[in-house]
Amino acid sequence: MAQAEEKRLPTFRFLALVLALTLLLFAVIGALITLYPQNNPVPAREAKKTVPQVRQLNRECLRQDDGNKGS
């Protein structure tokens, strides 16, 4: 039974090492992406479109003459 417990400990160490190296790899990739200069950012399509004029309505133009005046 002592051999089984000794065998499990290196397995946990191996899994911890793999997890730590994976996290380290993701951290390095994230740092490289963050530090990579973007000299020519692609403009969004929405920024190029012309926006139609929007008319602002007030309450008076929404009221109807024959509407329910009690509400």
PDB file of N, CA and C in Angstrom:
ATOM      1  N   MET A   1       0.818  -1.178   0.000  1.00  0.00           N
ATOM      2  CA  MET A   1       0.000   0.000   0.000  1.00  0.00           C
ATOM      3  C   MET A   1       0.873   1.256   0.000  1.00  0.00           C
ATOM      4  N   ALA A   2       2.057   1.178   0.542  1.00  0.00           N
ATOM      5  CA  ALA A   2       2.958   2.326   0.560  1.00  0.00           C
ATOM      6  C   ALA A   2       3.406   2.664  -0.859  1.00  0.00           C
ATOM      7  N   GLN A   3       3.509   1.664  -1.701  1.00  0.00           N
ATOM      8  CA  GLN A   3       3.926   1.913  -3.083  1.00  0.00           C
ATOM      9  C   GLN A   3       2.838   2.649  -3.856  1.00  0.00           C
ATOM     10  N   ALA A   4       1.586   2.361  -3.585  1.00  0.00           N
ATOM     11  CA  ALA A   4       0.491   3.016  -4.299  1.00  0.00           C
ATOM     12  C   ALA A   4       0.447   4.508  -3.968  1.00  0.00           C
ATOM     13  N   GLU A   5       0.670   4.877  -2.695  1.00  0.00           N
ATOM     14  CA  GLU A   5       0.676   6.280  -2.317  1.00  0.00           C
ATOM     15  C   GLU A   5       1.886   7.003  -2.900  1.00  0.00           C
ATOM     16  N   GLU A   6       3.019   6.331  -2.973  1.00  0.00           N
ATOM     17  CA  GLU A   6       4.203   6.945  -3.571  1.00  0.00           C
ATOM     18  C   GLU A   6       4.009   7.165  -5.070  1.00  0.00           C
ATOM     19  N   LYS A   7       3.255   6.309  -5.724  1.00  0.00           N
ATOM     20  CA  LYS A   7       3.019   6.437  -7.146  1.00  0.00           C
ATOM     21  C   LYS A   7       2.052   7.583  -7.445  1.00  0.00           C
ATOM     22  N   ARG A   8       1.096   7.828  -6.563  1.00  0.00           N
ATOM     23  CA  ARG A   8       0.102   8.872  -6.792  1.00  0.00           C
ATOM     24  C   ARG A   8       0.718  10.262  -6.674  1.00  0.00           C
ATOM     25  N   LEU A   9       1.678  10.445  -5.821  1.00  0.00           N
ATOM     26  CA  LEU A   9       2.281  11.748  -5.612  1.00  0.00           C
ATOM     27  C   LEU A   9       2.971  12.267  -6.877  1.00  0.00           C
ATOM     28  N   PRO A  10       3.764  11.482  -7.569  1.00  0.00           N
ATOM     29  CA  PRO A  10       4.345  11.983  -8.822  1.00  0.00           C
ATOM     30  C   PRO A  10       3.286  12.283  -9.890  1.00  0.00           C
ATOM     31  N   THR A  11       2.178  11.578  -9.878  1.00  0.00           N
ATOM     32  CA  THR A  11       1.116  11.848 -10.840  1.00  0.00           C
ATOM     33  C   THR A  11       0.520  13.230 -10.588  1.00  0.00           C
ATOM     34  N   PHE A  12       0.290  13.571  -9.316  1.00  0.00           N
ATOM     35  CA  PHE A  12      -0.234  14.894  -8.980  1.00  0.00           C
ATOM     36  C   PHE A  12       0.782  15.981  -9.324  1.00  0.00           C
ATOM     37  N   ARG A  13       2.046  15.693  -9.083  1.00  0.00           N
ATOM     38  CA  ARG A  13       3.085  16.661  -9.435  1.00  0.00           C
ATOM     39  C   ARG A  13       3.135  16.864 -10.948  1.00  0.00           C
ATOM     40  N   PHE A  14       2.999  15.804 -11.692  1.00  0.00           N
ATOM     41  CA  PHE A  14       3.005  15.906 -13.155  1.00  0.00           C
ATOM     42  C   PHE A  14       1.813  16.725 -13.646  1.00  0.00           C
ATOM     43  N   LEU A  15       0.636  16.485 -13.088  1.00  0.00           N
ATOM     44  CA  LEU A  15      -0.542  17.251 -13.486  1.00  0.00           C
ATOM     45  C   LEU A  15      -0.407  18.723 -13.101  1.00  0.00           C
ATOM     46  N   ALA A  16       0.161  18.990 -11.931  1.00  0.00           N
ATOM     47  CA  ALA A  16       0.379  20.374 -11.510  1.00  0.00           C
ATOM     48  C   ALA A  16       1.390  21.065 -12.417  1.00  0.00           C
ATOM     49  N   LEU A  17       2.419  20.343 -12.825  1.00  0.00           N
ATOM     50  CA  LEU A  17       3.417  20.893 -13.731  1.00  0.00           C
ATOM     51  C   LEU A  17       2.810  21.197 -15.098  1.00  0.00           C
ATOM     52  N   VAL A  18       1.996  20.299 -15.616  1.00  0.00           N
ATOM     53  CA  VAL A  18       1.343  20.522 -16.898  1.00  0.00           C
ATOM     54  C   VAL A  18       0.405  21.723 -16.825  1.00  0.00           C
ATOM     55  N   LEU A  19      -0.347  21.824 -15.742  1.00  0.00           N
ATOM     56  CA  LEU A  19      -1.252  22.956 -15.575  1.00  0.00           C
ATOM     57  C   LEU A  19      -0.477  24.271 -15.470  1.00  0.00           C
ATOM     58  N   ALA A  20       0.596  24.276 -14.718  1.00  0.00           N
ATOM     59  CA  ALA A  20       1.400  25.490 -14.561  1.00  0.00           C
ATOM     60  C   ALA A  20       2.033  25.904 -15.886  1.00  0.00           C
ATOM     61  N   LEU A  21       2.543  24.953 -16.643  1.00  0.00           N
ATOM     62  CA  LEU A  21       3.141  25.280 -17.933  1.00  0.00           C
ATOM     63  C   LEU A  21       2.095  25.768 -18.929  1.00  0.00           C
ATOM     64  N   THR A  22       0.893  25.213 -18.878  1.00  0.00           N
ATOM     65  CA  THR A  22      -0.180  25.666 -19.758  1.00  0.00           C
ATOM     66  C   THR A  22      -0.575  27.103 -19.435  1.00  0.00           C
ATOM     67  N   LEU A  23      -0.718  27.404 -18.149  1.00  0.00           N
ATOM     68  CA  LEU A  23      -1.044  28.769 -17.751  1.00  0.00           C
ATOM     69  C   LEU A  23       0.074  29.737 -18.119  1.00  0.00           C
ATOM     70  N   LEU A  24       1.299  29.312 -17.977  1.00  0.00           N
ATOM     71  CA  LEU A  24       2.427  30.150 -18.358  1.00  0.00           C
ATOM     72  C   LEU A  24       2.435  30.409 -19.863  1.00  0.00           C
ATOM     73  N   LEU A  25       2.119  29.399 -20.643  1.00  0.00           N
ATOM     74  CA  LEU A  25       2.053  29.553 -22.092  1.00  0.00           C
ATOM     75  C   LEU A  25       0.961  30.549 -22.479  1.00  0.00           C
ATOM     76  N   PHE A  26      -0.219  30.444 -21.859  1.00  0.00           N
ATOM     77  CA  PHE A  26      -1.298  31.392 -22.149  1.00  0.00           C
ATOM     78  C   PHE A  26      -0.919  32.807 -21.731  1.00  0.00           C
ATOM     79  N   ALA A  27      -0.207  32.949 -20.622  1.00  0.00           N
ATOM     80  CA  ALA A  27       0.224  34.272 -20.176  1.00  0.00           C
ATOM     81  C   ALA A  27       1.207  34.887 -21.164  1.00  0.00           C
ATOM     82  N   VAL A  28       2.121  34.096 -21.678  1.00  0.00           N
ATOM     83  CA  VAL A  28       3.087  34.603 -22.658  1.00  0.00           C
ATOM     84  C   VAL A  28       2.383  34.989 -23.949  1.00  0.00           C
ATOM     85  N   ILE A  29       1.451  34.178 -24.412  1.00  0.00           N
ATOM     86  CA  ILE A  29       0.705  34.496 -25.629  1.00  0.00           C
ATOM     87  C   ILE A  29      -0.110  35.776 -25.427  1.00  0.00           C
ATOM     88  N   GLY A  30      -0.753  35.916 -24.283  1.00  0.00           N
ATOM     89  CA  GLY A  30      -1.523  37.120 -24.000  1.00  0.00           C
ATOM     90  C   GLY A  30      -0.648  38.362 -23.944  1.00  0.00           C
ATOM     91  N   ALA A  31       0.533  38.242 -23.360  1.00  0.00           N
ATOM     92  CA  ALA A  31       1.447  39.381 -23.286  1.00  0.00           C
ATOM     93  C   ALA A  31       1.938  39.763 -24.674  1.00  0.00           C
ATOM     94  N   LEU A  32       2.231  38.787 -25.511  1.00  0.00           N
ATOM     95  CA  LEU A  32       2.691  39.088 -26.870  1.00  0.00           C
ATOM     96  C   LEU A  32       1.597  39.752 -27.689  1.00  0.00           C
ATOM     97  N   ILE A  33       0.373  39.304 -27.541  1.00  0.00           N
ATOM     98  CA  ILE A  33      -0.739  39.915 -28.275  1.00  0.00           C
ATOM     99  C   ILE A  33      -0.951  41.346 -27.794  1.00  0.00           C
ATOM    100  N   THR A  34      -0.838  41.566 -26.497  1.00  0.00           N
ATOM    101  CA  THR A  34      -1.040  42.906 -25.947  1.00  0.00           C
ATOM    102  C   THR A  34       0.066  43.855 -26.397  1.00  0.00           C
ATOM    103  N   LEU A  35       1.284  43.376 -26.439  1.00  0.00           N
ATOM    104  CA  LEU A  35       2.409  44.233 -26.786  1.00  0.00           C
ATOM    105  C   LEU A  35       2.605  44.396 -28.286  1.00  0.00           C
ATOM    106  N   TYR A  36       1.959  43.585 -29.095  1.00  0.00           N
ATOM    107  CA  TYR A  36       2.115  43.672 -30.539  1.00  0.00           C
ATOM    108  C   TYR A  36       1.494  44.977 -31.040  1.00  0.00           C
ATOM    109  N   PRO A  37       2.266  45.824 -31.703  1.00  0.00           N
ATOM    110  CA  PRO A  37       1.717  47.113 -32.144  1.00  0.00           C
ATOM    111  C   PRO A  37       0.755  46.950 -33.307  1.00  0.00           C
ATOM    112  N   GLN A  38      -0.343  47.661 -33.228  1.00  0.00           N
ATOM    113  CA  GLN A  38      -1.316  47.659 -34.317  1.00  0.00           C
ATOM    114  C   GLN A  38      -1.233  49.014 -34.994  1.00  0.00           C
ATOM    115  N   ASN A  39      -0.428  49.101 -36.051  1.00  0.00           N
ATOM    116  CA  ASN A  39      -0.213  50.370 -36.736  1.00  0.00           C
ATOM    117  C   ASN A  39      -1.386  50.751 -37.618  1.00  0.00           C
ATOM    118  N   ASN A  40      -2.020  49.797 -38.237  1.00  0.00           N
ATOM    119  CA  ASN A  40      -3.124  50.073 -39.148  1.00  0.00           C
ATOM    120  C   ASN A  40      -4.402  49.409 -38.656  1.00  0.00           C
ATOM    121  N   PRO A  41      -5.056  49.997 -37.682  1.00  0.00           N
ATOM    122  CA  PRO A  41      -6.324  49.396 -37.254  1.00  0.00           C
ATOM    123  C   PRO A  41      -7.366  49.547 -38.349  1.00  0.00           C
ATOM    124  N   VAL A  42      -8.117  48.498 -38.577  1.00  0.00           N
ATOM    125  CA  VAL A  42      -9.135  48.503 -39.619  1.00  0.00           C
ATOM    126  C   VAL A  42     -10.347  49.279 -39.117  1.00  0.00           C
ATOM    127  N   PRO A  43     -10.767  50.310 -39.849  1.00  0.00           N
ATOM    128  CA  PRO A  43     -11.936  51.066 -39.381  1.00  0.00           C
ATOM    129  C   PRO A  43     -13.204  50.227 -39.485  1.00  0.00           C
ATOM    130  N   ALA A  44     -14.087  50.454 -38.557  1.00  0.00           N
ATOM    131  CA  ALA A  44     -15.339  49.702 -38.536  1.00  0.00           C
ATOM    132  C   ALA A  44     -16.230  50.148 -39.686  1.00  0.00           C
ATOM    133  N   ARG A  45     -17.044  49.262 -40.179  1.00  0.00           N
ATOM    134  CA  ARG A  45     -17.954  49.596 -41.272  1.00  0.00           C
ATOM    135  C   ARG A  45     -18.969  50.654 -40.850  1.00  0.00           C
ATOM    136  N   GLU A  46     -19.359  50.608 -39.583  1.00  0.00           N
ATOM    137  CA  GLU A  46     -20.361  51.541 -39.101  1.00  0.00           C
ATOM    138  C   GLU A  46     -19.850  52.979 -39.120  1.00  0.00           C
ATOM    139  N   ALA A  47     -18.553  53.156 -38.969  1.00  0.00           N
ATOM    140  CA  ALA A  47     -17.997  54.502 -38.942  1.00  0.00           C
ATOM    141  C   ALA A  47     -18.029  55.146 -40.323  1.00  0.00           C
ATOM    142  N   LYS A  48     -18.037  54.356 -41.375  1.00  0.00           N
ATOM    143  CA  LYS A  48     -18.033  54.881 -42.732  1.00  0.00           C
ATOM    144  C   LYS A  48     -19.429  55.248 -43.222  1.00  0.00           C
ATOM    145  N   LYS A  49     -20.453  54.677 -42.632  1.00  0.00           N
ATOM    146  CA  LYS A  49     -21.813  54.917 -43.106  1.00  0.00           C
ATOM    147  C   LYS A  49     -22.303  56.295 -42.690  1.00  0.00           C
ATOM    148  N   THR A  50     -23.124  56.875 -43.549  1.00  0.00           N
ATOM    149  CA  THR A  50     -23.752  58.142 -43.180  1.00  0.00           C
ATOM    150  C   THR A  50     -24.990  57.837 -42.354  1.00  0.00           C
ATOM    151  N   VAL A  51     -25.189  58.628 -41.334  1.00  0.00           N
ATOM    152  CA  VAL A  51     -26.298  58.404 -40.418  1.00  0.00           C
ATOM    153  C   VAL A  51     -27.435  59.338 -40.808  1.00  0.00           C
ATOM    154  N   PRO A  52     -28.645  58.809 -40.974  1.00  0.00           N
ATOM    155  CA  PRO A  52     -29.761  59.690 -41.327  1.00  0.00           C
ATOM    156  C   PRO A  52     -30.137  60.597 -40.157  1.00  0.00           C
ATOM    157  N   GLN A  53     -30.650  61.756 -40.495  1.00  0.00           N
ATOM    158  CA  GLN A  53     -31.078  62.689 -39.462  1.00  0.00           C
ATOM    159  C   GLN A  53     -32.321  62.149 -38.765  1.00  0.00           C
ATOM    160  N   VAL A  54     -32.371  62.312 -37.472  1.00  0.00           N
ATOM    161  CA  VAL A  54     -33.504  61.840 -36.682  1.00  0.00           C
ATOM    162  C   VAL A  54     -34.219  63.060 -36.132  1.00  0.00           C
ATOM    163  N   ARG A  55     -35.518  63.078 -36.334  1.00  0.00           N
ATOM    164  CA  ARG A  55     -36.314  64.198 -35.848  1.00  0.00           C
ATOM    165  C   ARG A  55     -36.784  63.905 -34.436  1.00  0.00           C
ATOM    166  N   GLN A  56     -36.625  64.866 -33.551  1.00  0.00           N
ATOM    167  CA  GLN A  56     -37.058  64.683 -32.167  1.00  0.00           C
ATOM    168  C   GLN A  56     -38.500  65.155 -32.041  1.00  0.00           C
ATOM    169  N   LEU A  57     -39.327  64.299 -31.465  1.00  0.00           N
ATOM    170  CA  LEU A  57     -40.741  64.617 -31.307  1.00  0.00           C
ATOM    171  C   LEU A  57     -41.005  65.051 -29.876  1.00  0.00           C
ATOM    172  N   ASN A  58     -41.948  65.968 -29.720  1.00  0.00           N
ATOM    173  CA  ASN A  58     -42.348  66.362 -28.376  1.00  0.00           C
ATOM    174  C   ASN A  58     -43.756  65.837 -28.107  1.00  0.00           C
ATOM    175  N   ARG A  59     -44.258  66.046 -26.919  1.00  0.00           N
ATOM    176  CA  ARG A  59     -45.565  65.492 -26.535  1.00  0.00           C
ATOM    177  C   ARG A  59     -46.705  66.119 -27.331  1.00  0.00           C
ATOM    178  N   GLU A  60     -46.586  67.385 -27.644  1.00  0.00           N
ATOM    179  CA  GLU A  60     -47.681  68.077 -28.312  1.00  0.00           C
ATOM    180  C   GLU A  60     -47.953  67.512 -29.702  1.00  0.00           C
ATOM    181  N   CYS A  61     -46.945  67.133 -30.425  1.00  0.00           N
ATOM    182  CA  CYS A  61     -47.183  66.614 -31.767  1.00  0.00           C
ATOM    183  C   CYS A  61     -47.694  65.170 -31.725  1.00  0.00           C
ATOM    184  N   LEU A  62     -47.563  64.481 -30.586  1.00  0.00           N
ATOM    185  CA  LEU A  62     -48.051  63.114 -30.478  1.00  0.00           C
ATOM    186  C   LEU A  62     -49.522  63.069 -30.047  1.00  0.00           C
ATOM    187  N   ARG A  63     -50.025  64.139 -29.483  1.00  0.00           N
ATOM    188  CA  ARG A  63     -51.401  64.166 -29.020  1.00  0.00           C
ATOM    189  C   ARG A  63     -52.363  64.290 -30.199  1.00  0.00           C
ATOM    190  N   GLN A  64     -53.468  63.594 -30.074  1.00  0.00           N
ATOM    191  CA  GLN A  64     -54.518  63.692 -31.085  1.00  0.00           C
ATOM    192  C   GLN A  64     -55.609  64.595 -30.550  1.00  0.00           C
ATOM    193  N   ASP A  65     -56.269  65.332 -31.461  1.00  0.00           N
ATOM    194  CA  ASP A  65     -57.323  66.250 -31.037  1.00  0.00           C
ATOM    195  C   ASP A  65     -58.533  65.522 -30.488  1.00  0.00           C
ATOM    196  N   ASP A  66     -58.862  64.358 -31.057  1.00  0.00           N
ATOM    197  CA  ASP A  66     -60.058  63.647 -30.633  1.00  0.00           C
ATOM    198  C   ASP A  66     -59.724  62.505 -29.669  1.00  0.00           C
ATOM    199  N   GLY A  67     -58.564  62.500 -29.089  1.00  0.00           N
ATOM    200  CA  GLY A  67     -58.149  61.409 -28.199  1.00  0.00           C
ATOM    201  C   GLY A  67     -58.801  61.500 -26.847  1.00  0.00           C
ATOM    202  N   ASN A  68     -58.556  60.531 -26.008  1.00  0.00           N
ATOM    203  CA  ASN A  68     -59.110  60.483 -24.667  1.00  0.00           C
ATOM    204  C   ASN A  68     -58.358  61.477 -23.805  1.00  0.00           C
ATOM    205  N   LYS A  69     -59.002  62.517 -23.371  1.00  0.00           N
ATOM    206  CA  LYS A  69     -58.329  63.564 -22.607  1.00  0.00           C
ATOM    207  C   LYS A  69     -58.252  63.206 -21.121  1.00  0.00           C
ATOM    208  N   GLY A  70     -58.886  62.154 -20.697  1.00  0.00           N
ATOM    209  CA  GLY A  70     -58.868  61.789 -19.286  1.00  0.00           C
ATOM    210  C   GLY A  70     -57.648  60.985 -18.899  1.00  0.00           C
ATOM    211  N   SER A  71     -56.879  60.504 -19.829  1.00  0.00           N
ATOM    212  CA  SER A  71     -55.743  59.665 -19.473  1.00  0.00           C
ATOM    213  C   SER A  71     -54.450  60.393 -19.498  1.00  0.00           C
TER     214      SER A  71
END
